[in-house]
N, C-alpha and C. Protein backbone atom coordinates (compact mmCIF):
# COMPACT_ATOMS: atom_id res chain seq x y z
N UNK A 1 0.84 -1.19 0.00
CA UNK A 1 0.00 0.00 0.00
C UNK A 1 0.88 1.24 0.00
N UNK A 2 0.47 2.24 -0.76
CA UNK A 2 1.21 3.50 -0.85
C UNK A 2 0.60 4.50 0.12
N UNK A 3 1.44 5.13 0.92
CA UNK A 3 0.95 6.03 1.97
C UNK A 3 1.12 7.50 1.64
N UNK A 4 1.56 7.80 0.43
CA UNK A 4 1.69 9.20 0.04
C UNK A 4 0.66 9.52 -1.04
N UNK A 5 0.26 10.77 -1.05
CA UNK A 5 -0.71 11.25 -2.04
C UNK A 5 -0.48 12.72 -2.26
N UNK A 6 -1.52 13.42 -2.62
CA UNK A 6 -1.39 14.85 -2.89
C UNK A 6 -1.03 15.65 -1.63
N UNK A 7 -1.44 15.17 -0.48
CA UNK A 7 -1.13 15.81 0.81
C UNK A 7 -1.54 17.28 0.83
N UNK A 8 -2.72 17.56 0.29
CA UNK A 8 -3.19 18.95 0.24
C UNK A 8 -3.55 19.47 1.63
N UNK A 9 -3.18 20.71 1.94
CA UNK A 9 -3.55 21.28 3.24
C UNK A 9 -5.05 21.54 3.29
N UNK A 10 -5.57 21.65 4.49
CA UNK A 10 -7.01 21.92 4.62
C UNK A 10 -7.33 23.31 4.14
N UNK A 11 -8.54 23.44 3.67
CA UNK A 11 -9.03 24.73 3.21
C UNK A 11 -9.97 25.30 4.26
N UNK A 12 -10.17 26.62 4.27
CA UNK A 12 -11.17 27.19 5.19
C UNK A 12 -12.55 26.58 4.95
N UNK A 13 -12.86 26.27 3.69
CA UNK A 13 -14.15 25.67 3.37
C UNK A 13 -14.25 24.25 3.94
N UNK A 14 -13.13 23.52 3.93
CA UNK A 14 -13.12 22.16 4.48
C UNK A 14 -13.40 22.15 5.97
N UNK A 15 -12.75 23.06 6.69
CA UNK A 15 -12.98 23.16 8.13
C UNK A 15 -14.41 23.60 8.41
N UNK A 16 -14.89 24.58 7.66
CA UNK A 16 -16.25 25.08 7.87
C UNK A 16 -17.28 23.99 7.58
N UNK A 17 -17.07 23.21 6.51
CA UNK A 17 -18.02 22.15 6.15
C UNK A 17 -18.04 21.06 7.21
N UNK A 18 -16.87 20.70 7.73
CA UNK A 18 -16.81 19.66 8.77
C UNK A 18 -17.51 20.15 10.04
N UNK A 19 -17.26 21.40 10.43
CA UNK A 19 -17.90 21.95 11.63
C UNK A 19 -19.42 22.02 11.43
N UNK A 20 -19.86 22.38 10.22
CA UNK A 20 -21.29 22.44 9.94
C UNK A 20 -21.93 21.06 10.03
N UNK A 21 -21.24 20.04 9.53
CA UNK A 21 -21.77 18.67 9.60
C UNK A 21 -21.96 18.25 11.06
N UNK A 22 -21.00 18.62 11.90
CA UNK A 22 -21.08 18.29 13.33
C UNK A 22 -22.09 19.20 14.03
N UNK A 23 -22.19 20.45 13.55
CA UNK A 23 -23.05 21.43 14.19
C UNK A 23 -22.34 22.18 15.30
N UNK A 24 -21.02 22.28 15.18
CA UNK A 24 -20.23 22.96 16.23
C UNK A 24 -19.53 24.17 15.65
N UNK A 25 -18.97 24.98 16.52
CA UNK A 25 -18.15 26.11 16.09
C UNK A 25 -16.88 25.57 15.43
N UNK A 26 -16.40 26.22 14.37
CA UNK A 26 -15.11 25.81 13.82
C UNK A 26 -14.00 25.81 14.89
N UNK A 27 -14.07 26.73 15.84
CA UNK A 27 -13.03 26.79 16.90
C UNK A 27 -13.04 25.54 17.77
N UNK A 28 -14.21 24.96 18.00
CA UNK A 28 -14.29 23.73 18.80
C UNK A 28 -13.63 22.58 18.06
N UNK A 29 -13.89 22.49 16.76
CA UNK A 29 -13.26 21.45 15.95
C UNK A 29 -11.76 21.70 15.86
N UNK A 30 -11.36 22.96 15.71
CA UNK A 30 -9.94 23.31 15.66
C UNK A 30 -9.24 22.90 16.94
N UNK A 31 -9.91 22.99 18.08
CA UNK A 31 -9.31 22.56 19.34
C UNK A 31 -8.97 21.07 19.30
N UNK A 32 -9.88 20.27 18.76
CA UNK A 32 -9.63 18.82 18.65
C UNK A 32 -8.44 18.56 17.73
N UNK A 33 -8.39 19.28 16.60
CA UNK A 33 -7.27 19.10 15.67
C UNK A 33 -5.94 19.46 16.32
N UNK A 34 -5.93 20.52 17.12
CA UNK A 34 -4.70 20.95 17.78
C UNK A 34 -4.19 19.91 18.75
N UNK A 35 -5.10 19.26 19.46
CA UNK A 35 -4.71 18.27 20.46
C UNK A 35 -4.35 16.94 19.80
N UNK A 36 -5.14 16.52 18.81
CA UNK A 36 -4.94 15.20 18.21
C UNK A 36 -3.69 15.11 17.36
N UNK A 37 -3.45 16.09 16.50
CA UNK A 37 -2.34 15.96 15.55
C UNK A 37 -1.51 17.24 15.47
N UNK A 38 -1.50 18.00 16.55
CA UNK A 38 -0.75 19.26 16.60
C UNK A 38 -1.11 20.15 15.41
N UNK A 39 -2.37 20.02 14.95
CA UNK A 39 -2.87 20.92 13.91
C UNK A 39 -2.52 20.55 12.49
N UNK A 40 -1.76 19.48 12.26
CA UNK A 40 -1.37 19.10 10.91
C UNK A 40 -1.71 17.63 10.66
N UNK A 41 -2.17 17.33 9.45
CA UNK A 41 -2.54 15.96 9.12
C UNK A 41 -1.46 15.16 8.45
N UNK A 42 -0.31 15.79 8.17
CA UNK A 42 0.76 15.10 7.45
C UNK A 42 2.10 15.25 8.17
N UNK A 43 2.96 14.25 7.97
CA UNK A 43 4.31 14.33 8.54
C UNK A 43 5.24 14.99 7.52
N UNK A 44 6.52 15.06 7.85
CA UNK A 44 7.49 15.75 6.99
C UNK A 44 7.66 15.07 5.63
N UNK A 45 7.30 13.79 5.53
CA UNK A 45 7.41 13.06 4.27
C UNK A 45 6.09 13.06 3.49
N UNK A 46 5.15 13.90 3.90
CA UNK A 46 3.84 14.04 3.25
C UNK A 46 3.01 12.77 3.32
N UNK A 47 3.20 12.02 4.39
CA UNK A 47 2.34 10.87 4.67
C UNK A 47 1.33 11.31 5.72
N UNK A 48 0.12 10.72 5.72
CA UNK A 48 -0.81 11.07 6.80
C UNK A 48 -0.16 10.79 8.16
N UNK A 49 -0.32 11.72 9.09
CA UNK A 49 0.18 11.43 10.44
C UNK A 49 -0.46 10.15 10.90
N UNK A 50 0.34 9.30 11.52
CA UNK A 50 -0.13 7.97 11.86
C UNK A 50 0.56 7.48 13.12
N UNK A 51 -0.20 6.81 13.96
CA UNK A 51 0.35 6.16 15.14
C UNK A 51 -0.11 4.71 15.12
N UNK A 52 0.85 3.80 14.96
CA UNK A 52 0.54 2.37 14.96
C UNK A 52 0.42 1.90 16.41
N UNK A 53 -0.66 1.17 16.69
CA UNK A 53 -0.97 0.73 18.06
C UNK A 53 -0.74 -0.78 18.19
N UNK A 54 0.44 -1.20 18.68
CA UNK A 54 0.73 -2.63 18.76
C UNK A 54 -0.25 -3.43 19.62
N UNK A 55 -0.80 -2.83 20.66
CA UNK A 55 -1.73 -3.58 21.51
C UNK A 55 -3.05 -3.84 20.77
N UNK A 56 -3.44 -2.92 19.91
CA UNK A 56 -4.65 -3.15 19.11
C UNK A 56 -4.38 -4.22 18.05
N UNK A 57 -3.21 -4.15 17.43
CA UNK A 57 -2.84 -5.17 16.44
C UNK A 57 -2.84 -6.56 17.10
N UNK A 58 -2.30 -6.63 18.30
CA UNK A 58 -2.28 -7.90 19.04
C UNK A 58 -3.71 -8.43 19.21
N UNK A 59 -4.61 -7.57 19.69
CA UNK A 59 -5.99 -8.01 19.93
C UNK A 59 -6.70 -8.42 18.66
N UNK A 60 -6.49 -7.68 17.58
CA UNK A 60 -7.14 -8.03 16.32
C UNK A 60 -6.60 -9.34 15.76
N UNK A 61 -5.29 -9.52 15.83
CA UNK A 61 -4.71 -10.79 15.37
C UNK A 61 -5.22 -11.95 16.22
N UNK A 62 -5.27 -11.75 17.52
CA UNK A 62 -5.73 -12.80 18.43
C UNK A 62 -7.15 -13.24 18.07
N UNK A 63 -7.99 -12.28 17.72
CA UNK A 63 -9.39 -12.59 17.38
C UNK A 63 -9.58 -13.12 15.97
N UNK A 64 -8.80 -12.61 15.01
CA UNK A 64 -9.10 -12.90 13.61
C UNK A 64 -8.03 -13.70 12.86
N UNK A 65 -6.79 -13.61 13.26
CA UNK A 65 -5.69 -14.28 12.55
C UNK A 65 -4.66 -14.80 13.55
N UNK A 66 -5.10 -15.68 14.44
CA UNK A 66 -4.24 -16.15 15.53
C UNK A 66 -2.95 -16.79 15.03
N UNK A 67 -2.99 -17.38 13.84
CA UNK A 67 -1.79 -18.03 13.31
C UNK A 67 -0.66 -17.04 13.02
N UNK A 68 -0.99 -15.76 12.91
CA UNK A 68 0.02 -14.73 12.62
C UNK A 68 0.52 -14.02 13.87
N UNK A 69 -0.10 -14.32 15.01
CA UNK A 69 0.21 -13.58 16.24
C UNK A 69 1.65 -13.81 16.69
N UNK A 70 2.11 -15.05 16.65
CA UNK A 70 3.48 -15.35 17.10
C UNK A 70 4.52 -14.57 16.32
N UNK A 71 4.36 -14.47 15.01
CA UNK A 71 5.31 -13.73 14.18
C UNK A 71 5.29 -12.24 14.53
N UNK A 72 4.10 -11.71 14.80
CA UNK A 72 3.99 -10.29 15.16
C UNK A 72 4.64 -10.00 16.50
N UNK A 73 4.45 -10.88 17.46
CA UNK A 73 5.07 -10.71 18.79
C UNK A 73 6.59 -10.80 18.65
N UNK A 74 7.06 -11.78 17.88
CA UNK A 74 8.50 -11.95 17.69
C UNK A 74 9.13 -10.72 17.04
N UNK A 75 8.39 -10.11 16.11
CA UNK A 75 8.89 -8.90 15.43
C UNK A 75 8.73 -7.64 16.28
N UNK A 76 8.13 -7.79 17.46
CA UNK A 76 7.93 -6.70 18.41
C UNK A 76 6.98 -5.62 17.87
N UNK A 77 6.02 -6.05 17.04
CA UNK A 77 5.03 -5.12 16.52
C UNK A 77 3.64 -5.41 17.10
N UNK A 78 3.58 -6.34 18.05
CA UNK A 78 2.32 -6.65 18.73
C UNK A 78 2.63 -7.05 20.16
N UNK A 79 1.86 -6.49 21.08
CA UNK A 79 1.95 -6.89 22.48
C UNK A 79 0.59 -6.67 23.12
N UNK A 80 0.31 -7.39 24.23
CA UNK A 80 -1.07 -7.46 24.73
C UNK A 80 -1.62 -6.22 25.43
N UNK A 81 -0.78 -5.36 25.97
CA UNK A 81 -1.30 -4.24 26.76
C UNK A 81 -0.68 -2.93 26.32
N UNK A 82 -1.52 -1.88 26.33
CA UNK A 82 -1.04 -0.54 26.01
C UNK A 82 0.06 -0.14 26.98
N UNK A 83 1.09 0.54 26.47
CA UNK A 83 2.14 1.09 27.32
C UNK A 83 3.26 0.13 27.65
N UNK A 84 3.25 -1.07 27.09
CA UNK A 84 4.32 -2.02 27.40
C UNK A 84 5.67 -1.55 26.86
N UNK A 85 5.63 -0.80 25.76
CA UNK A 85 6.86 -0.23 25.18
C UNK A 85 6.54 1.19 24.72
N UNK A 86 7.54 2.05 24.70
CA UNK A 86 7.29 3.42 24.21
C UNK A 86 7.06 3.41 22.70
N UNK A 87 6.28 4.38 22.23
CA UNK A 87 6.08 4.51 20.79
C UNK A 87 7.35 5.05 20.14
N UNK A 88 7.68 4.58 18.94
CA UNK A 88 8.82 5.16 18.22
C UNK A 88 8.44 6.53 17.66
N UNK A 89 9.44 7.32 17.30
CA UNK A 89 9.15 8.63 16.70
C UNK A 89 8.42 8.48 15.38
N UNK A 90 8.74 7.44 14.64
CA UNK A 90 8.09 7.17 13.35
C UNK A 90 7.49 5.76 13.41
N UNK A 91 6.18 5.69 13.33
CA UNK A 91 5.49 4.39 13.40
C UNK A 91 5.43 3.67 12.06
N UNK A 92 5.77 4.36 10.98
CA UNK A 92 5.62 3.73 9.66
C UNK A 92 6.45 2.45 9.47
N UNK A 93 7.69 2.37 9.98
CA UNK A 93 8.40 1.09 9.84
C UNK A 93 7.66 -0.08 10.51
N UNK A 94 7.07 0.16 11.68
CA UNK A 94 6.29 -0.90 12.34
C UNK A 94 5.04 -1.23 11.53
N UNK A 95 4.39 -0.19 11.01
CA UNK A 95 3.21 -0.41 10.18
C UNK A 95 3.56 -1.25 8.95
N UNK A 96 4.68 -0.93 8.31
CA UNK A 96 5.10 -1.68 7.12
C UNK A 96 5.29 -3.15 7.44
N UNK A 97 5.90 -3.45 8.58
CA UNK A 97 6.06 -4.85 9.00
C UNK A 97 4.69 -5.49 9.24
N UNK A 98 3.81 -4.76 9.88
CA UNK A 98 2.48 -5.29 10.18
C UNK A 98 1.68 -5.53 8.90
N UNK A 99 1.78 -4.61 7.94
CA UNK A 99 1.09 -4.76 6.66
C UNK A 99 1.55 -6.03 5.95
N UNK A 100 2.83 -6.36 6.08
CA UNK A 100 3.34 -7.59 5.45
C UNK A 100 2.68 -8.84 6.04
N UNK A 101 2.25 -8.77 7.29
CA UNK A 101 1.56 -9.90 7.92
C UNK A 101 0.08 -9.91 7.57
N UNK A 102 -0.58 -8.76 7.69
CA UNK A 102 -2.01 -8.66 7.41
C UNK A 102 -2.35 -7.19 7.18
N UNK A 103 -2.53 -6.81 5.92
CA UNK A 103 -2.72 -5.40 5.58
C UNK A 103 -3.93 -4.79 6.27
N UNK A 104 -5.06 -5.45 6.19
CA UNK A 104 -6.29 -4.87 6.74
C UNK A 104 -6.19 -4.69 8.24
N UNK A 105 -5.75 -5.71 8.96
CA UNK A 105 -5.66 -5.59 10.41
C UNK A 105 -4.59 -4.58 10.82
N UNK A 106 -3.53 -4.45 10.03
CA UNK A 106 -2.50 -3.45 10.32
C UNK A 106 -3.07 -2.04 10.19
N UNK A 107 -3.78 -1.79 9.09
CA UNK A 107 -4.38 -0.47 8.89
C UNK A 107 -5.44 -0.19 9.95
N UNK A 108 -6.19 -1.22 10.34
CA UNK A 108 -7.19 -1.08 11.40
C UNK A 108 -6.56 -0.68 12.73
N UNK A 109 -5.28 -1.02 12.92
CA UNK A 109 -4.59 -0.85 14.21
C UNK A 109 -3.85 0.47 14.32
N UNK A 110 -4.01 1.35 13.36
CA UNK A 110 -3.30 2.63 13.37
C UNK A 110 -4.30 3.77 13.42
N UNK A 111 -3.87 4.88 14.03
CA UNK A 111 -4.66 6.11 14.08
C UNK A 111 -4.15 7.03 12.98
N UNK A 112 -5.08 7.66 12.23
CA UNK A 112 -4.72 8.34 10.99
C UNK A 112 -5.16 9.81 10.95
N UNK A 113 -4.28 10.65 10.43
CA UNK A 113 -4.61 12.00 10.02
C UNK A 113 -4.88 13.00 11.14
N UNK A 114 -5.52 14.09 10.76
CA UNK A 114 -5.82 15.19 11.68
C UNK A 114 -6.58 14.73 12.91
N UNK A 115 -7.55 13.86 12.71
CA UNK A 115 -8.39 13.41 13.81
C UNK A 115 -7.88 12.17 14.49
N UNK A 116 -6.75 11.63 14.01
CA UNK A 116 -6.19 10.39 14.55
C UNK A 116 -7.29 9.33 14.70
N UNK A 117 -8.01 9.10 13.58
CA UNK A 117 -9.07 8.10 13.57
C UNK A 117 -8.46 6.71 13.44
N UNK A 118 -8.86 5.84 14.33
CA UNK A 118 -8.40 4.46 14.27
C UNK A 118 -8.95 3.81 13.00
N UNK A 119 -8.09 3.10 12.29
CA UNK A 119 -8.48 2.49 11.03
C UNK A 119 -9.71 1.62 11.12
N UNK A 120 -9.89 0.96 12.26
CA UNK A 120 -11.05 0.09 12.38
C UNK A 120 -12.37 0.87 12.45
N UNK A 121 -12.29 2.19 12.52
CA UNK A 121 -13.48 3.03 12.49
C UNK A 121 -13.80 3.54 11.08
N UNK A 122 -13.26 2.87 10.06
CA UNK A 122 -13.44 3.33 8.68
C UNK A 122 -14.91 3.49 8.29
N UNK A 123 -15.77 2.58 8.72
CA UNK A 123 -17.18 2.66 8.32
C UNK A 123 -17.86 3.90 8.92
N UNK A 124 -17.57 4.19 10.19
CA UNK A 124 -18.14 5.39 10.81
C UNK A 124 -17.61 6.66 10.16
N UNK A 125 -16.43 6.57 9.56
CA UNK A 125 -15.86 7.72 8.86
C UNK A 125 -16.38 7.84 7.43
N UNK A 126 -17.19 6.86 7.00
CA UNK A 126 -17.81 6.94 5.68
C UNK A 126 -17.09 6.19 4.58
N UNK A 127 -16.26 5.21 4.94
CA UNK A 127 -15.49 4.49 3.93
C UNK A 127 -15.84 3.00 3.93
N UNK A 128 -15.58 2.35 2.81
CA UNK A 128 -15.89 0.93 2.65
C UNK A 128 -14.83 0.02 3.24
N UNK A 129 -13.64 0.54 3.48
CA UNK A 129 -12.53 -0.28 4.01
C UNK A 129 -11.49 0.65 4.62
N UNK A 130 -10.59 0.11 5.46
CA UNK A 130 -9.52 0.97 5.97
C UNK A 130 -8.59 1.43 4.84
N UNK A 131 -8.43 0.59 3.82
CA UNK A 131 -7.60 0.98 2.68
C UNK A 131 -8.16 2.22 2.00
N UNK A 132 -9.49 2.25 1.80
CA UNK A 132 -10.13 3.40 1.16
C UNK A 132 -9.97 4.65 2.01
N UNK A 133 -10.08 4.50 3.32
CA UNK A 133 -9.93 5.65 4.21
C UNK A 133 -8.52 6.20 4.15
N UNK A 134 -7.52 5.33 4.24
CA UNK A 134 -6.12 5.77 4.23
C UNK A 134 -5.78 6.43 2.90
N UNK A 135 -6.25 5.86 1.80
CA UNK A 135 -5.98 6.44 0.49
C UNK A 135 -6.59 7.84 0.40
N UNK A 136 -7.82 8.01 0.86
CA UNK A 136 -8.46 9.34 0.85
C UNK A 136 -7.69 10.29 1.74
N UNK A 137 -7.29 9.84 2.92
CA UNK A 137 -6.58 10.70 3.86
C UNK A 137 -5.22 11.14 3.32
N UNK A 138 -4.60 10.31 2.47
CA UNK A 138 -3.32 10.68 1.86
C UNK A 138 -3.50 11.81 0.85
N UNK A 139 -4.72 11.98 0.36
CA UNK A 139 -4.99 13.02 -0.63
C UNK A 139 -5.02 14.42 -0.06
N UNK A 140 -5.52 14.58 1.15
CA UNK A 140 -5.58 15.92 1.70
C UNK A 140 -6.29 16.01 3.03
N UNK A 141 -6.05 17.11 3.69
CA UNK A 141 -6.64 17.31 5.01
C UNK A 141 -8.15 17.52 4.97
N UNK A 142 -8.69 18.01 3.85
CA UNK A 142 -10.13 18.17 3.77
C UNK A 142 -10.82 16.80 3.85
N UNK A 143 -10.24 15.79 3.21
CA UNK A 143 -10.79 14.43 3.30
C UNK A 143 -10.68 13.92 4.74
N UNK A 144 -9.59 14.25 5.41
CA UNK A 144 -9.41 13.84 6.80
C UNK A 144 -10.49 14.49 7.68
N UNK A 145 -10.78 15.77 7.41
CA UNK A 145 -11.82 16.48 8.17
C UNK A 145 -13.20 15.88 7.91
N UNK A 146 -13.48 15.54 6.66
CA UNK A 146 -14.77 14.94 6.32
C UNK A 146 -14.96 13.63 7.06
N UNK A 147 -13.92 12.78 7.05
CA UNK A 147 -13.99 11.50 7.76
C UNK A 147 -14.13 11.69 9.26
N UNK A 148 -13.41 12.65 9.80
CA UNK A 148 -13.48 12.93 11.22
C UNK A 148 -14.87 13.41 11.62
N UNK A 149 -15.45 14.31 10.83
CA UNK A 149 -16.80 14.82 11.12
C UNK A 149 -17.82 13.69 11.08
N UNK A 150 -17.71 12.83 10.06
CA UNK A 150 -18.64 11.69 9.95
C UNK A 150 -18.52 10.78 11.17
N UNK A 151 -17.28 10.53 11.60
CA UNK A 151 -17.06 9.68 12.77
C UNK A 151 -17.68 10.30 14.02
N UNK A 152 -17.47 11.59 14.23
CA UNK A 152 -18.02 12.26 15.41
C UNK A 152 -19.54 12.17 15.43
N UNK A 153 -20.16 12.40 14.28
CA UNK A 153 -21.62 12.34 14.19
C UNK A 153 -22.10 10.91 14.43
N UNK A 154 -21.52 9.93 13.73
CA UNK A 154 -21.97 8.53 13.85
C UNK A 154 -21.70 7.96 15.24
N UNK A 155 -20.71 8.51 15.94
CA UNK A 155 -20.38 8.03 17.29
C UNK A 155 -21.22 8.70 18.37
N UNK A 156 -22.10 9.62 17.96
CA UNK A 156 -22.96 10.29 18.92
C UNK A 156 -22.25 11.31 19.77
N UNK A 157 -21.19 11.91 19.22
CA UNK A 157 -20.39 12.87 19.98
C UNK A 157 -20.58 14.32 19.53
N UNK A 158 -21.48 14.54 18.57
CA UNK A 158 -21.66 15.89 18.05
C UNK A 158 -22.16 16.85 19.12
N UNK A 159 -23.13 16.40 19.94
CA UNK A 159 -23.66 17.28 20.99
C UNK A 159 -22.58 17.67 21.99
N UNK A 160 -21.74 16.71 22.34
CA UNK A 160 -20.68 16.98 23.32
C UNK A 160 -19.71 18.04 22.79
N UNK A 161 -19.36 17.93 21.50
CA UNK A 161 -18.44 18.91 20.94
C UNK A 161 -19.15 20.25 20.75
N UNK A 162 -20.39 20.21 20.30
CA UNK A 162 -21.17 21.44 20.10
C UNK A 162 -21.29 22.22 21.41
N UNK A 163 -21.54 21.47 22.51
CA UNK A 163 -21.75 22.11 23.81
C UNK A 163 -20.46 22.30 24.60
N UNK A 164 -19.35 21.91 23.99
CA UNK A 164 -18.03 22.03 24.62
C UNK A 164 -17.97 21.33 25.97
N UNK A 165 -18.62 20.17 26.03
CA UNK A 165 -18.52 19.32 27.22
C UNK A 165 -17.28 18.46 27.01
N UNK A 166 -16.14 19.04 27.36
CA UNK A 166 -14.85 18.46 26.98
C UNK A 166 -14.63 17.08 27.58
N UNK A 167 -14.99 16.87 28.83
CA UNK A 167 -14.76 15.55 29.45
C UNK A 167 -15.61 14.48 28.76
N UNK A 168 -16.87 14.79 28.48
CA UNK A 168 -17.74 13.82 27.81
C UNK A 168 -17.25 13.53 26.40
N UNK A 169 -16.82 14.57 25.69
CA UNK A 169 -16.28 14.36 24.35
C UNK A 169 -15.01 13.52 24.42
N UNK A 170 -14.12 13.87 25.34
CA UNK A 170 -12.85 13.14 25.49
C UNK A 170 -13.08 11.67 25.80
N UNK A 171 -14.04 11.38 26.66
CA UNK A 171 -14.35 9.98 27.01
C UNK A 171 -14.80 9.21 25.77
N UNK A 172 -15.68 9.82 24.99
CA UNK A 172 -16.19 9.14 23.80
C UNK A 172 -15.18 9.03 22.68
N UNK A 173 -14.33 10.02 22.55
CA UNK A 173 -13.38 10.07 21.43
C UNK A 173 -12.11 9.29 21.73
N UNK A 174 -11.65 9.34 22.96
CA UNK A 174 -10.36 8.72 23.32
C UNK A 174 -10.46 7.59 24.33
N UNK A 175 -11.66 7.30 24.81
CA UNK A 175 -11.82 6.19 25.73
C UNK A 175 -11.79 6.62 27.18
N UNK A 176 -12.11 5.67 28.09
CA UNK A 176 -12.26 6.00 29.50
C UNK A 176 -10.97 6.46 30.19
N UNK A 177 -9.82 6.21 29.59
CA UNK A 177 -8.56 6.61 30.22
C UNK A 177 -8.13 8.03 29.82
N UNK A 178 -9.05 8.80 29.22
CA UNK A 178 -8.71 10.14 28.71
C UNK A 178 -8.11 11.04 29.79
N UNK A 179 -8.59 10.90 31.03
CA UNK A 179 -8.16 11.81 32.10
C UNK A 179 -6.69 11.62 32.45
N UNK A 180 -6.18 10.41 32.23
CA UNK A 180 -4.78 10.13 32.54
C UNK A 180 -3.86 11.06 31.75
N UNK A 181 -4.27 11.41 30.53
CA UNK A 181 -3.47 12.30 29.69
C UNK A 181 -4.02 13.72 29.66
N UNK A 182 -4.98 14.02 30.56
CA UNK A 182 -5.56 15.36 30.66
C UNK A 182 -6.14 15.84 29.33
N UNK A 183 -6.72 14.90 28.58
CA UNK A 183 -7.23 15.21 27.25
C UNK A 183 -8.31 16.30 27.30
N UNK A 184 -9.17 16.22 28.30
CA UNK A 184 -10.25 17.21 28.39
C UNK A 184 -9.72 18.61 28.68
N UNK A 185 -8.75 18.72 29.56
CA UNK A 185 -8.20 20.05 29.88
C UNK A 185 -7.38 20.59 28.70
N UNK A 186 -6.72 19.70 27.96
CA UNK A 186 -6.00 20.14 26.75
C UNK A 186 -6.97 20.69 25.72
N UNK A 187 -8.13 20.04 25.57
CA UNK A 187 -9.15 20.53 24.64
C UNK A 187 -9.65 21.90 25.06
N UNK A 188 -9.95 22.06 26.34
CA UNK A 188 -10.44 23.35 26.84
C UNK A 188 -9.40 24.44 26.62
N UNK A 189 -8.14 24.13 26.86
CA UNK A 189 -7.07 25.11 26.67
C UNK A 189 -6.93 25.47 25.19
N UNK A 190 -6.99 24.46 24.32
CA UNK A 190 -6.87 24.72 22.88
C UNK A 190 -8.04 25.55 22.38
N UNK A 191 -9.22 25.28 22.90
CA UNK A 191 -10.40 26.08 22.49
C UNK A 191 -10.25 27.53 22.94
N UNK A 192 -9.80 27.72 24.17
CA UNK A 192 -9.60 29.09 24.69
C UNK A 192 -8.58 29.84 23.84
N UNK A 193 -7.54 29.13 23.42
CA UNK A 193 -6.52 29.75 22.58
C UNK A 193 -7.09 30.10 21.20
N UNK A 194 -7.92 29.20 20.66
CA UNK A 194 -8.50 29.43 19.32
C UNK A 194 -9.49 30.58 19.31
N UNK A 195 -10.09 30.87 20.45
CA UNK A 195 -11.11 31.92 20.51
C UNK A 195 -10.60 33.21 21.16
N UNK A 196 -9.33 33.22 21.55
CA UNK A 196 -8.77 34.42 22.21
C UNK A 196 -8.63 35.57 21.24
């Protein structure tokens, strides 16, 4: 799979359209972008920003392709619990190894683009497969925003973002451990900065 594309920056219209789909202020959506991907959807090599999650890959292999789990563990690209090893600065080498074992489950196990959407959420983002989502996200940040907005709406988080209920949004978007990383307070701070 090719991870580079046009890598177009987001447009004001793209941000406005995504915020309108959610029904929130553009500044509220901008706060999420600032926290999730430091405001940019691409890395220095013009690939979608991506974080490969070895513990998710482990769980998916265990459930769907157990025969491949041993090889993934041996290659140190899968382990059972979050935080067992630090993340590398660049997750793409690990992703490439994982793709060689099982492309779909590897893409499902990574967080992508501006919204850091987990690949396994491709359907909620409006795509037929994780491959289709990643290919679209490689094209530009507007596609990343569209997928992110669709995910927020389909996940029932639009009201939380619209009303700036940061803790409730953080719980739904990042899971119950959001407070450990102060995700809600980071969102509130980013929103205050965006509206200052």
